[in-house]
Amino acid sequence: MTALVADTHTIIWYLSQAPQLSLRASNALDFAIQTDHPIYLSAISIVEVIYLVGKDKLSQSAFDELITALSATNVGLVIAPLGLAIAQAVSQIPRSTVPDMPDR
């Protein structure tokens, strides 16, 4: 394994130890942390969490946990910037495969 990319719900569920996260996903994230491999999170996920907190779909504590994890040196959570190349690549992912914009 070299690195992982986590979507918004995956990292929120992981940080809160929610039962919605599969054992396989949880183990992969644990292994990345234990072996000092980065876990990338798109910058838009931060915006999505703020949006979900504002809509009362997530708690403020979920946002706080995410910010704490991003600041921690032992977690290896890295923000992947949403630059021009990544924004243009979104059109290469079929909407039928990944319908939600932030996940694409």
PDB file of N, CA and C in Angstrom:
ATOM      1  N   MET A   1       0.847  -1.173   0.000  1.00  0.00           N
ATOM      2  CA  MET A   1       0.000   0.000   0.000  1.00  0.00           C
ATOM      3  C   MET A   1       0.889   1.232   0.000  1.00  0.00           C
ATOM      4  N   THR A   2       0.523   2.225  -0.805  1.00  0.00           N
ATOM      5  CA  THR A   2       1.277   3.468  -0.807  1.00  0.00           C
ATOM      6  C   THR A   2       0.497   4.622  -0.186  1.00  0.00           C
ATOM      7  N   ALA A   3      -0.790   4.687  -0.455  1.00  0.00           N
ATOM      8  CA  ALA A   3      -1.625   5.749   0.104  1.00  0.00           C
ATOM      9  C   ALA A   3      -3.088   5.372  -0.065  1.00  0.00           C
ATOM     10  N   LEU A   4      -3.930   6.071   0.647  1.00  0.00           N
ATOM     11  CA  LEU A   4      -5.379   5.883   0.524  1.00  0.00           C
ATOM     12  C   LEU A   4      -6.027   7.223   0.242  1.00  0.00           C
ATOM     13  N   VAL A   5      -7.177   7.166  -0.389  1.00  0.00           N
ATOM     14  CA  VAL A   5      -8.024   8.343  -0.545  1.00  0.00           C
ATOM     15  C   VAL A   5      -9.339   8.005   0.153  1.00  0.00           C
ATOM     16  N   ALA A   6      -9.739   8.856   1.065  1.00  0.00           N
ATOM     17  CA  ALA A   6     -10.986   8.637   1.801  1.00  0.00           C
ATOM     18  C   ALA A   6     -12.006   9.691   1.388  1.00  0.00           C
ATOM     19  N   ASP A   7     -13.236   9.266   1.191  1.00  0.00           N
ATOM     20  CA  ASP A   7     -14.277  10.252   0.923  1.00  0.00           C
ATOM     21  C   ASP A   7     -14.775  10.803   2.256  1.00  0.00           C
ATOM     22  N   THR A   8     -15.652  11.770   2.171  1.00  0.00           N
ATOM     23  CA  THR A   8     -16.098  12.492   3.362  1.00  0.00           C
ATOM     24  C   THR A   8     -16.710  11.567   4.412  1.00  0.00           C
ATOM     25  N   HIS A   9     -17.686  10.766   4.002  1.00  0.00           N
ATOM     26  CA  HIS A   9     -18.339   9.910   4.991  1.00  0.00           C
ATOM     27  C   HIS A   9     -17.391   8.861   5.556  1.00  0.00           C
ATOM     28  N   THR A  10     -16.524   8.337   4.731  1.00  0.00           N
ATOM     29  CA  THR A  10     -15.570   7.337   5.216  1.00  0.00           C
ATOM     30  C   THR A  10     -14.739   7.885   6.360  1.00  0.00           C
ATOM     31  N   ILE A  11     -14.191   9.082   6.184  1.00  0.00           N
ATOM     32  CA  ILE A  11     -13.325   9.612   7.237  1.00  0.00           C
ATOM     33  C   ILE A  11     -14.123  10.028   8.465  1.00  0.00           C
ATOM     34  N   ILE A  12     -15.325  10.550   8.260  1.00  0.00           N
ATOM     35  CA  ILE A  12     -16.175  10.903   9.411  1.00  0.00           C
ATOM     36  C   ILE A  12     -16.546   9.641  10.188  1.00  0.00           C
ATOM     37  N   TRP A  13     -16.951   8.604   9.462  1.00  0.00           N
ATOM     38  CA  TRP A  13     -17.302   7.348  10.131  1.00  0.00           C
ATOM     39  C   TRP A  13     -16.092   6.737  10.831  1.00  0.00           C
ATOM     40  N   TYR A  14     -14.929   6.825  10.208  1.00  0.00           N
ATOM     41  CA  TYR A  14     -13.723   6.268  10.812  1.00  0.00           C
ATOM     42  C   TYR A  14     -13.393   7.002  12.117  1.00  0.00           C
ATOM     43  N   LEU A  15     -13.403   8.315  12.053  1.00  0.00           N
ATOM     44  CA  LEU A  15     -13.038   9.100  13.234  1.00  0.00           C
ATOM     45  C   LEU A  15     -14.025   8.913  14.384  1.00  0.00           C
ATOM     46  N   SER A  16     -15.285   8.697  14.050  1.00  0.00           N
ATOM     47  CA  SER A  16     -16.298   8.511  15.100  1.00  0.00           C
ATOM     48  C   SER A  16     -16.547   7.040  15.429  1.00  0.00           C
ATOM     49  N   GLN A  17     -15.817   6.146  14.770  1.00  0.00           N
ATOM     50  CA  GLN A  17     -15.958   4.701  14.951  1.00  0.00           C
ATOM     51  C   GLN A  17     -17.404   4.263  14.727  1.00  0.00           C
ATOM     52  N   ALA A  18     -18.010   4.811  13.686  1.00  0.00           N
ATOM     53  CA  ALA A  18     -19.407   4.512  13.368  1.00  0.00           C
ATOM     54  C   ALA A  18     -19.547   3.112  12.769  1.00  0.00           C
ATOM     55  N   PRO A  19     -20.642   2.443  13.072  1.00  0.00           N
ATOM     56  CA  PRO A  19     -20.841   1.086  12.556  1.00  0.00           C
ATOM     57  C   PRO A  19     -21.087   1.036  11.044  1.00  0.00           C
ATOM     58  N   GLN A  20     -21.364   2.178  10.425  1.00  0.00           N
ATOM     59  CA  GLN A  20     -21.594   2.191   8.983  1.00  0.00           C
ATOM     60  C   GLN A  20     -20.331   1.871   8.187  1.00  0.00           C
ATOM     61  N   LEU A  21     -19.172   2.106   8.774  1.00  0.00           N
ATOM     62  CA  LEU A  21     -17.906   1.847   8.084  1.00  0.00           C
ATOM     63  C   LEU A  21     -17.612   0.356   8.120  1.00  0.00           C
ATOM     64  N   SER A  22     -17.333  -0.203   6.950  1.00  0.00           N
ATOM     65  CA  SER A  22     -17.054  -1.636   6.884  1.00  0.00           C
ATOM     66  C   SER A  22     -15.757  -1.967   7.610  1.00  0.00           C
ATOM     67  N   LEU A  23     -15.654  -3.201   8.041  1.00  0.00           N
ATOM     68  CA  LEU A  23     -14.440  -3.667   8.703  1.00  0.00           C
ATOM     69  C   LEU A  23     -13.248  -3.564   7.762  1.00  0.00           C
ATOM     70  N   ARG A  24     -13.468  -3.885   6.514  1.00  0.00           N
ATOM     71  CA  ARG A  24     -12.384  -3.815   5.521  1.00  0.00           C
ATOM     72  C   ARG A  24     -11.857  -2.384   5.392  1.00  0.00           C
ATOM     73  N   ALA A  25     -12.757  -1.414   5.304  1.00  0.00           N
ATOM     74  CA  ALA A  25     -12.342  -0.012   5.193  1.00  0.00           C
ATOM     75  C   ALA A  25     -11.629   0.439   6.467  1.00  0.00           C
ATOM     76  N   SER A  26     -12.179   0.076   7.603  1.00  0.00           N
ATOM     77  CA  SER A  26     -11.567   0.438   8.876  1.00  0.00           C
ATOM     78  C   SER A  26     -10.163  -0.142   9.000  1.00  0.00           C
ATOM     79  N   ASN A  27     -10.010  -1.392   8.628  1.00  0.00           N
ATOM     80  CA  ASN A  27      -8.691  -2.031   8.679  1.00  0.00           C
ATOM     81  C   ASN A  27      -7.701  -1.364   7.739  1.00  0.00           C
ATOM     82  N   ALA A  28      -8.161  -0.966   6.551  1.00  0.00           N
ATOM     83  CA  ALA A  28      -7.275  -0.302   5.586  1.00  0.00           C
ATOM     84  C   ALA A  28      -6.797   1.042   6.133  1.00  0.00           C
ATOM     85  N   LEU A  29      -7.696   1.787   6.745  1.00  0.00           N
ATOM     86  CA  LEU A  29      -7.316   3.073   7.335  1.00  0.00           C
ATOM     87  C   LEU A  29      -6.386   2.869   8.526  1.00  0.00           C
ATOM     88  N   ASP A  30      -6.685   1.889   9.369  1.00  0.00           N
ATOM     89  CA  ASP A  30      -5.796   1.563  10.494  1.00  0.00           C
ATOM     90  C   ASP A  30      -4.399   1.211   9.989  1.00  0.00           C
ATOM     91  N   PHE A  31      -4.340   0.378   8.958  1.00  0.00           N
ATOM     92  CA  PHE A  31      -3.052  -0.055   8.425  1.00  0.00           C
ATOM     93  C   PHE A  31      -2.274   1.130   7.859  1.00  0.00           C
ATOM     94  N   ALA A  32      -2.945   2.028   7.167  1.00  0.00           N
ATOM     95  CA  ALA A  32      -2.262   3.206   6.617  1.00  0.00           C
ATOM     96  C   ALA A  32      -1.651   4.035   7.738  1.00  0.00           C
ATOM     97  N   ILE A  33      -2.409   4.231   8.807  1.00  0.00           N
ATOM     98  CA  ILE A  33      -1.898   5.011   9.934  1.00  0.00           C
ATOM     99  C   ILE A  33      -0.724   4.299  10.607  1.00  0.00           C
ATOM    100  N   GLN A  34      -0.864   2.995  10.817  1.00  0.00           N
ATOM    101  CA  GLN A  34       0.186   2.232  11.495  1.00  0.00           C
ATOM    102  C   GLN A  34       1.476   2.161  10.687  1.00  0.00           C
ATOM    103  N   THR A  35       1.376   2.252   9.377  1.00  0.00           N
ATOM    104  CA  THR A  35       2.560   2.127   8.518  1.00  0.00           C
ATOM    105  C   THR A  35       2.997   3.471   7.928  1.00  0.00           C
ATOM    106  N   ASP A  36       2.473   4.546   8.488  1.00  0.00           N
ATOM    107  CA  ASP A  36       2.842   5.910   8.078  1.00  0.00           C
ATOM    108  C   ASP A  36       2.585   6.206   6.608  1.00  0.00           C
ATOM    109  N   HIS A  37       1.510   5.637   6.068  1.00  0.00           N
ATOM    110  CA  HIS A  37       1.090   5.965   4.703  1.00  0.00           C
ATOM    111  C   HIS A  37       0.018   7.043   4.783  1.00  0.00           C
ATOM    112  N   PRO A  38       0.053   7.997   3.865  1.00  0.00           N
ATOM    113  CA  PRO A  38      -0.939   9.083   3.931  1.00  0.00           C
ATOM    114  C   PRO A  38      -2.350   8.612   3.597  1.00  0.00           C
ATOM    115  N   ILE A  39      -3.295   9.272   4.200  1.00  0.00           N
ATOM    116  CA  ILE A  39      -4.707   9.122   3.866  1.00  0.00           C
ATOM    117  C   ILE A  39      -5.126  10.484   3.314  1.00  0.00           C
ATOM    118  N   TYR A  40      -5.403  10.529   2.021  1.00  0.00           N
ATOM    119  CA  TYR A  40      -5.763  11.787   1.384  1.00  0.00           C
ATOM    120  C   TYR A  40      -7.253  12.046   1.511  1.00  0.00           C
ATOM    121  N   LEU A  41      -7.576  13.283   1.757  1.00  0.00           N
ATOM    122  CA  LEU A  41      -8.948  13.744   1.846  1.00  0.00           C
ATOM    123  C   LEU A  41      -9.046  14.985   0.978  1.00  0.00           C
ATOM    124  N   SER A  42      -9.983  14.986   0.057  1.00  0.00           N
ATOM    125  CA  SER A  42     -10.146  16.136  -0.821  1.00  0.00           C
ATOM    126  C   SER A  42     -10.499  17.376  -0.017  1.00  0.00           C
ATOM    127  N   ALA A  43      -9.964  18.513  -0.446  1.00  0.00           N
ATOM    128  CA  ALA A  43     -10.270  19.784   0.206  1.00  0.00           C
ATOM    129  C   ALA A  43     -11.770  20.044   0.218  1.00  0.00           C
ATOM    130  N   ILE A  44     -12.464  19.563  -0.789  1.00  0.00           N
ATOM    131  CA  ILE A  44     -13.917  19.800  -0.837  1.00  0.00           C
ATOM    132  C   ILE A  44     -14.642  19.058   0.287  1.00  0.00           C
ATOM    133  N   SER A  45     -14.015  18.033   0.838  1.00  0.00           N
ATOM    134  CA  SER A  45     -14.639  17.328   1.962  1.00  0.00           C
ATOM    135  C   SER A  45     -14.782  18.234   3.182  1.00  0.00           C
ATOM    136  N   ILE A  46     -13.830  19.131   3.376  1.00  0.00           N
ATOM    137  CA  ILE A  46     -13.924  20.066   4.499  1.00  0.00           C
ATOM    138  C   ILE A  46     -15.149  20.960   4.303  1.00  0.00           C
ATOM    139  N   VAL A  47     -15.311  21.449   3.070  1.00  0.00           N
ATOM    140  CA  VAL A  47     -16.460  22.287   2.747  1.00  0.00           C
ATOM    141  C   VAL A  47     -17.754  21.493   2.905  1.00  0.00           C
ATOM    142  N   GLU A  48     -17.738  20.233   2.460  1.00  0.00           N
ATOM    143  CA  GLU A  48     -18.925  19.389   2.571  1.00  0.00           C
ATOM    144  C   GLU A  48     -19.318  19.176   4.033  1.00  0.00           C
ATOM    145  N   VAL A  49     -18.349  18.961   4.898  1.00  0.00           N
ATOM    146  CA  VAL A  49     -18.650  18.765   6.323  1.00  0.00           C
ATOM    147  C   VAL A  49     -19.245  20.044   6.914  1.00  0.00           C
ATOM    148  N   ILE A  50     -18.685  21.184   6.573  1.00  0.00           N
ATOM    149  CA  ILE A  50     -19.240  22.453   7.057  1.00  0.00           C
ATOM    150  C   ILE A  50     -20.688  22.597   6.592  1.00  0.00           C
ATOM    151  N   TYR A  51     -20.938  22.259   5.335  1.00  0.00           N
ATOM    152  CA  TYR A  51     -22.279  22.313   4.767  1.00  0.00           C
ATOM    153  C   TYR A  51     -23.224  21.357   5.508  1.00  0.00           C
ATOM    154  N   LEU A  52     -22.777  20.143   5.766  1.00  0.00           N
ATOM    155  CA  LEU A  52     -23.616  19.152   6.454  1.00  0.00           C
ATOM    156  C   LEU A  52     -23.887  19.540   7.907  1.00  0.00           C
ATOM    157  N   VAL A  53     -22.929  20.163   8.558  1.00  0.00           N
ATOM    158  CA  VAL A  53     -23.153  20.663   9.922  1.00  0.00           C
ATOM    159  C   VAL A  53     -24.205  21.768   9.886  1.00  0.00           C
ATOM    160  N   GLY A  54     -24.099  22.658   8.904  1.00  0.00           N
ATOM    161  CA  GLY A  54     -25.063  23.742   8.773  1.00  0.00           C
ATOM    162  C   GLY A  54     -26.475  23.256   8.491  1.00  0.00           C
ATOM    163  N   LYS A  55     -26.601  22.100   7.848  1.00  0.00           N
ATOM    164  CA  LYS A  55     -27.916  21.518   7.556  1.00  0.00           C
ATOM    165  C   LYS A  55     -28.371  20.554   8.651  1.00  0.00           C
ATOM    166  N   ASP A  56     -27.622  20.475   9.747  1.00  0.00           N
ATOM    167  CA  ASP A  56     -27.901  19.559  10.857  1.00  0.00           C
ATOM    168  C   ASP A  56     -27.882  18.092  10.430  1.00  0.00           C
ATOM    169  N   LYS A  57     -27.095  17.764   9.414  1.00  0.00           N
ATOM    170  CA  LYS A  57     -26.920  16.373   8.982  1.00  0.00           C
ATOM    171  C   LYS A  57     -25.736  15.736   9.703  1.00  0.00           C
ATOM    172  N   LEU A  58     -24.818  16.571  10.183  1.00  0.00           N
ATOM    173  CA  LEU A  58     -23.679  16.133  10.991  1.00  0.00           C
ATOM    174  C   LEU A  58     -23.576  17.053  12.197  1.00  0.00           C
ATOM    175  N   SER A  59     -23.004  16.540  13.251  1.00  0.00           N
ATOM    176  CA  SER A  59     -22.828  17.350  14.456  1.00  0.00           C
ATOM    177  C   SER A  59     -21.576  18.215  14.347  1.00  0.00           C
ATOM    178  N   GLN A  60     -21.567  19.277  15.119  1.00  0.00           N
ATOM    179  CA  GLN A  60     -20.377  20.121  15.183  1.00  0.00           C
ATOM    180  C   GLN A  60     -19.181  19.312  15.659  1.00  0.00           C
ATOM    181  N   SER A  61     -19.417  18.337  16.511  1.00  0.00           N
ATOM    182  CA  SER A  61     -18.307  17.520  17.017  1.00  0.00           C
ATOM    183  C   SER A  61     -17.658  16.706  15.896  1.00  0.00           C
ATOM    184  N   ALA A  62     -18.429  16.326  14.874  1.00  0.00           N
ATOM    185  CA  ALA A  62     -17.845  15.611  13.729  1.00  0.00           C
ATOM    186  C   ALA A  62     -16.847  16.511  13.009  1.00  0.00           C
ATOM    187  N   PHE A  63     -17.213  17.777  12.829  1.00  0.00           N
ATOM    188  CA  PHE A  63     -16.298  18.737  12.216  1.00  0.00           C
ATOM    189  C   PHE A  63     -15.066  18.931  13.094  1.00  0.00           C
ATOM    190  N   ASP A  64     -15.281  19.081  14.400  1.00  0.00           N
ATOM    191  CA  ASP A  64     -14.169  19.281  15.325  1.00  0.00           C
ATOM    192  C   ASP A  64     -13.215  18.091  15.313  1.00  0.00           C
ATOM    193  N   GLU A  65     -13.759  16.872  15.285  1.00  0.00           N
ATOM    194  CA  GLU A  65     -12.918  15.667  15.213  1.00  0.00           C
ATOM    195  C   GLU A  65     -12.091  15.650  13.935  1.00  0.00           C
ATOM    196  N   LEU A  66     -12.697  16.058  12.835  1.00  0.00           N
ATOM    197  CA  LEU A  66     -11.983  16.097  11.559  1.00  0.00           C
ATOM    198  C   LEU A  66     -10.833  17.095  11.607  1.00  0.00           C
ATOM    199  N   ILE A  67     -11.090  18.283  12.116  1.00  0.00           N
ATOM    200  CA  ILE A  67     -10.036  19.302  12.209  1.00  0.00           C
ATOM    201  C   ILE A  67      -8.925  18.831  13.135  1.00  0.00           C
ATOM    202  N   THR A  68      -9.281  18.184  14.231  1.00  0.00           N
ATOM    203  CA  THR A  68      -8.271  17.645  15.152  1.00  0.00           C
ATOM    204  C   THR A  68      -7.419  16.589  14.453  1.00  0.00           C
ATOM    205  N   ALA A  69      -8.051  15.707  13.699  1.00  0.00           N
ATOM    206  CA  ALA A  69      -7.310  14.660  12.983  1.00  0.00           C
ATOM    207  C   ALA A  69      -6.403  15.252  11.914  1.00  0.00           C
ATOM    208  N   LEU A  70      -6.876  16.285  11.238  1.00  0.00           N
ATOM    209  CA  LEU A  70      -6.049  16.931  10.217  1.00  0.00           C
ATOM    210  C   LEU A  70      -4.831  17.615  10.832  1.00  0.00           C
ATOM    211  N   SER A  71      -4.958  18.031  12.077  1.00  0.00           N
ATOM    212  CA  SER A  71      -3.857  18.707  12.764  1.00  0.00           C
ATOM    213  C   SER A  71      -2.906  17.735  13.450  1.00  0.00           C
ATOM    214  N   ALA A  72      -3.346  16.512  13.673  1.00  0.00           N
ATOM    215  CA  ALA A  72      -2.538  15.519  14.400  1.00  0.00           C
ATOM    216  C   ALA A  72      -1.403  15.003  13.521  1.00  0.00           C
ATOM    217  N   THR A  73      -0.260  14.832  14.124  1.00  0.00           N
ATOM    218  CA  THR A  73       0.891  14.323  13.374  1.00  0.00           C
ATOM    219  C   THR A  73       0.905  12.804  13.283  1.00  0.00           C
ATOM    220  N   ASN A  74       0.133  12.128  14.133  1.00  0.00           N
ATOM    221  CA  ASN A  74       0.164  10.668  14.151  1.00  0.00           C
ATOM    222  C   ASN A  74      -0.929  10.014  13.321  1.00  0.00           C
ATOM    223  N   VAL A  75      -1.763  10.811  12.630  1.00  0.00           N
ATOM    224  CA  VAL A  75      -2.865  10.258  11.853  1.00  0.00           C
ATOM    225  C   VAL A  75      -2.509  10.138  10.379  1.00  0.00           C
ATOM    226  N   GLY A  76      -1.751  11.061   9.850  1.00  0.00           N
ATOM    227  CA  GLY A  76      -1.360  10.991   8.449  1.00  0.00           C
ATOM    228  C   GLY A  76      -2.446  11.406   7.481  1.00  0.00           C
ATOM    229  N   LEU A  77      -3.415  12.161   7.983  1.00  0.00           N
ATOM    230  CA  LEU A  77      -4.496  12.656   7.141  1.00  0.00           C
ATOM    231  C   LEU A  77      -3.997  13.908   6.433  1.00  0.00           C
ATOM    232  N   VAL A  78      -4.080  13.895   5.097  1.00  0.00           N
ATOM    233  CA  VAL A  78      -3.530  14.970   4.283  1.00  0.00           C
ATOM    234  C   VAL A  78      -4.621  15.524   3.380  1.00  0.00           C
ATOM    235  N   ILE A  79      -4.733  16.842   3.334  1.00  0.00           N
ATOM    236  CA  ILE A  79      -5.703  17.452   2.434  1.00  0.00           C
ATOM    237  C   ILE A  79      -5.125  17.465   1.022  1.00  0.00           C
ATOM    238  N   ALA A  80      -5.888  16.896   0.104  1.00  0.00           N
ATOM    239  CA  ALA A  80      -5.525  16.931  -1.310  1.00  0.00           C
ATOM    240  C   ALA A  80      -6.207  18.155  -1.906  1.00  0.00           C
ATOM    241  N   PRO A  81      -5.430  19.101  -2.416  1.00  0.00           N
ATOM    242  CA  PRO A  81      -6.048  20.331  -2.928  1.00  0.00           C
ATOM    243  C   PRO A  81      -6.908  20.062  -4.155  1.00  0.00           C
ATOM    244  N   LEU A  82      -7.926  20.883  -4.293  1.00  0.00           N
ATOM    245  CA  LEU A  82      -8.807  20.789  -5.456  1.00  0.00           C
ATOM    246  C   LEU A  82      -8.329  21.822  -6.467  1.00  0.00           C
ATOM    247  N   GLY A  83      -7.361  21.412  -7.288  1.00  0.00           N
ATOM    248  CA  GLY A  83      -6.810  22.300  -8.291  1.00  0.00           C
ATOM    249  C   GLY A  83      -7.464  22.091  -9.647  1.00  0.00           C
ATOM    250  N   LEU A  84      -6.973  22.812 -10.639  1.00  0.00           N
ATOM    251  CA  LEU A  84      -7.541  22.764 -11.973  1.00  0.00           C
ATOM    252  C   LEU A  84      -7.510  21.358 -12.568  1.00  0.00           C
ATOM    253  N   ALA A  85      -6.387  20.665 -12.450  1.00  0.00           N
ATOM    254  CA  ALA A  85      -6.274  19.324 -13.039  1.00  0.00           C
ATOM    255  C   ALA A  85      -7.285  18.361 -12.435  1.00  0.00           C
ATOM    256  N   ILE A  86      -7.455  18.415 -11.136  1.00  0.00           N
ATOM    257  CA  ILE A  86      -8.419  17.523 -10.481  1.00  0.00           C
ATOM    258  C   ILE A  86      -9.838  17.918 -10.862  1.00  0.00           C
ATOM    259  N   ALA A  87     -10.118  19.207 -10.893  1.00  0.00           N
ATOM    260  CA  ALA A  87     -11.456  19.664 -11.277  1.00  0.00           C
ATOM    261  C   ALA A  87     -11.807  19.193 -12.687  1.00  0.00           C
ATOM    262  N   GLN A  88     -10.855  19.254 -13.608  1.00  0.00           N
ATOM    263  CA  GLN A  88     -11.102  18.804 -14.972  1.00  0.00           C
ATOM    264  C   GLN A  88     -11.260  17.291 -15.049  1.00  0.00           C
ATOM    265  N   ALA A  89     -10.590  16.564 -14.182  1.00  0.00           N
ATOM    266  CA  ALA A  89     -10.669  15.099 -14.189  1.00  0.00           C
ATOM    267  C   ALA A  89     -12.034  14.589 -13.757  1.00  0.00           C
ATOM    268  N   VAL A  90     -12.804  15.407 -13.054  1.00  0.00           N
ATOM    269  CA  VAL A  90     -14.129  14.993 -12.610  1.00  0.00           C
ATOM    270  C   VAL A  90     -14.989  14.552 -13.794  1.00  0.00           C
ATOM    271  N   SER A  91     -14.819  15.194 -14.935  1.00  0.00           N
ATOM    272  CA  SER A  91     -15.627  14.844 -16.108  1.00  0.00           C
ATOM    273  C   SER A  91     -15.300  13.460 -16.650  1.00  0.00           C
ATOM    274  N   GLN A  92     -14.183  12.887 -16.231  1.00  0.00           N
ATOM    275  CA  GLN A  92     -13.787  11.553 -16.696  1.00  0.00           C
ATOM    276  C   GLN A  92     -14.434  10.431 -15.882  1.00  0.00           C
ATOM    277  N   ILE A  93     -15.066  10.779 -14.777  1.00  0.00           N
ATOM    278  CA  ILE A  93     -15.708   9.787 -13.922  1.00  0.00           C
ATOM    279  C   ILE A  93     -17.192   9.765 -14.273  1.00  0.00           C
ATOM    280  N   PRO A  94     -17.668   8.653 -14.771  1.00  0.00           N
ATOM    281  CA  PRO A  94     -19.078   8.603 -15.180  1.00  0.00           C
ATOM    282  C   PRO A  94     -20.027   8.899 -14.017  1.00  0.00           C
ATOM    283  N   ARG A  95     -20.990   9.754 -14.261  1.00  0.00           N
ATOM    284  CA  ARG A  95     -21.978  10.099 -13.239  1.00  0.00           C
ATOM    285  C   ARG A  95     -22.743   8.857 -12.792  1.00  0.00           C
ATOM    286  N   SER A  96     -22.911   7.893 -13.701  1.00  0.00           N
ATOM    287  CA  SER A  96     -23.619   6.667 -13.343  1.00  0.00           C
ATOM    288  C   SER A  96     -22.818   5.821 -12.344  1.00  0.00           C
ATOM    289  N   THR A  97     -21.506   5.974 -12.351  1.00  0.00           N
ATOM    290  CA  THR A  97     -20.648   5.226 -11.428  1.00  0.00           C
ATOM    291  C   THR A  97     -20.560   5.917 -10.074  1.00  0.00           C
ATOM    292  N   VAL A  98     -20.342   7.225 -10.088  1.00  0.00           N
ATOM    293  CA  VAL A  98     -20.238   8.023  -8.864  1.00  0.00           C
ATOM    294  C   VAL A  98     -21.107   9.260  -9.049  1.00  0.00           C
ATOM    295  N   PRO A  99     -22.355   9.209  -8.593  1.00  0.00           N
ATOM    296  CA  PRO A  99     -23.297  10.291  -8.894  1.00  0.00           C
ATOM    297  C   PRO A  99     -23.067  11.597  -8.108  1.00  0.00           C
ATOM    298  N   ASP A 100     -22.578  11.518  -6.900  1.00  0.00           N
ATOM    299  CA  ASP A 100     -22.446  12.720  -6.080  1.00  0.00           C
ATOM    300  C   ASP A 100     -21.185  13.499  -6.435  1.00  0.00           C
ATOM    301  N   MET A 101     -21.346  14.778  -6.697  1.00  0.00           N
ATOM    302  CA  MET A 101     -20.236  15.631  -7.116  1.00  0.00           C
ATOM    303  C   MET A 101     -19.038  15.579  -6.161  1.00  0.00           C
ATOM    304  N   PRO A 102     -19.227  15.729  -4.849  1.00  0.00           N
ATOM    305  CA  PRO A 102     -18.040  15.710  -3.987  1.00  0.00           C
ATOM    306  C   PRO A 102     -17.274  14.384  -4.034  1.00  0.00           C
ATOM    307  N   ASP A 103     -17.968  13.282  -4.292  1.00  0.00           N
ATOM    308  CA  ASP A 103     -17.304  11.981  -4.355  1.00  0.00           C
ATOM    309  C   ASP A 103     -16.584  11.757  -5.676  1.00  0.00           C
ATOM    310  N   ARG A 104     -17.020  12.445  -6.709  1.00  0.00           N
ATOM    311  CA  ARG A 104     -16.389  12.289  -8.014  1.00  0.00           C
ATOM    312  C   ARG A 104     -15.033  12.940  -8.007  1.00  0.00           C
TER     313      ARG A 104
END
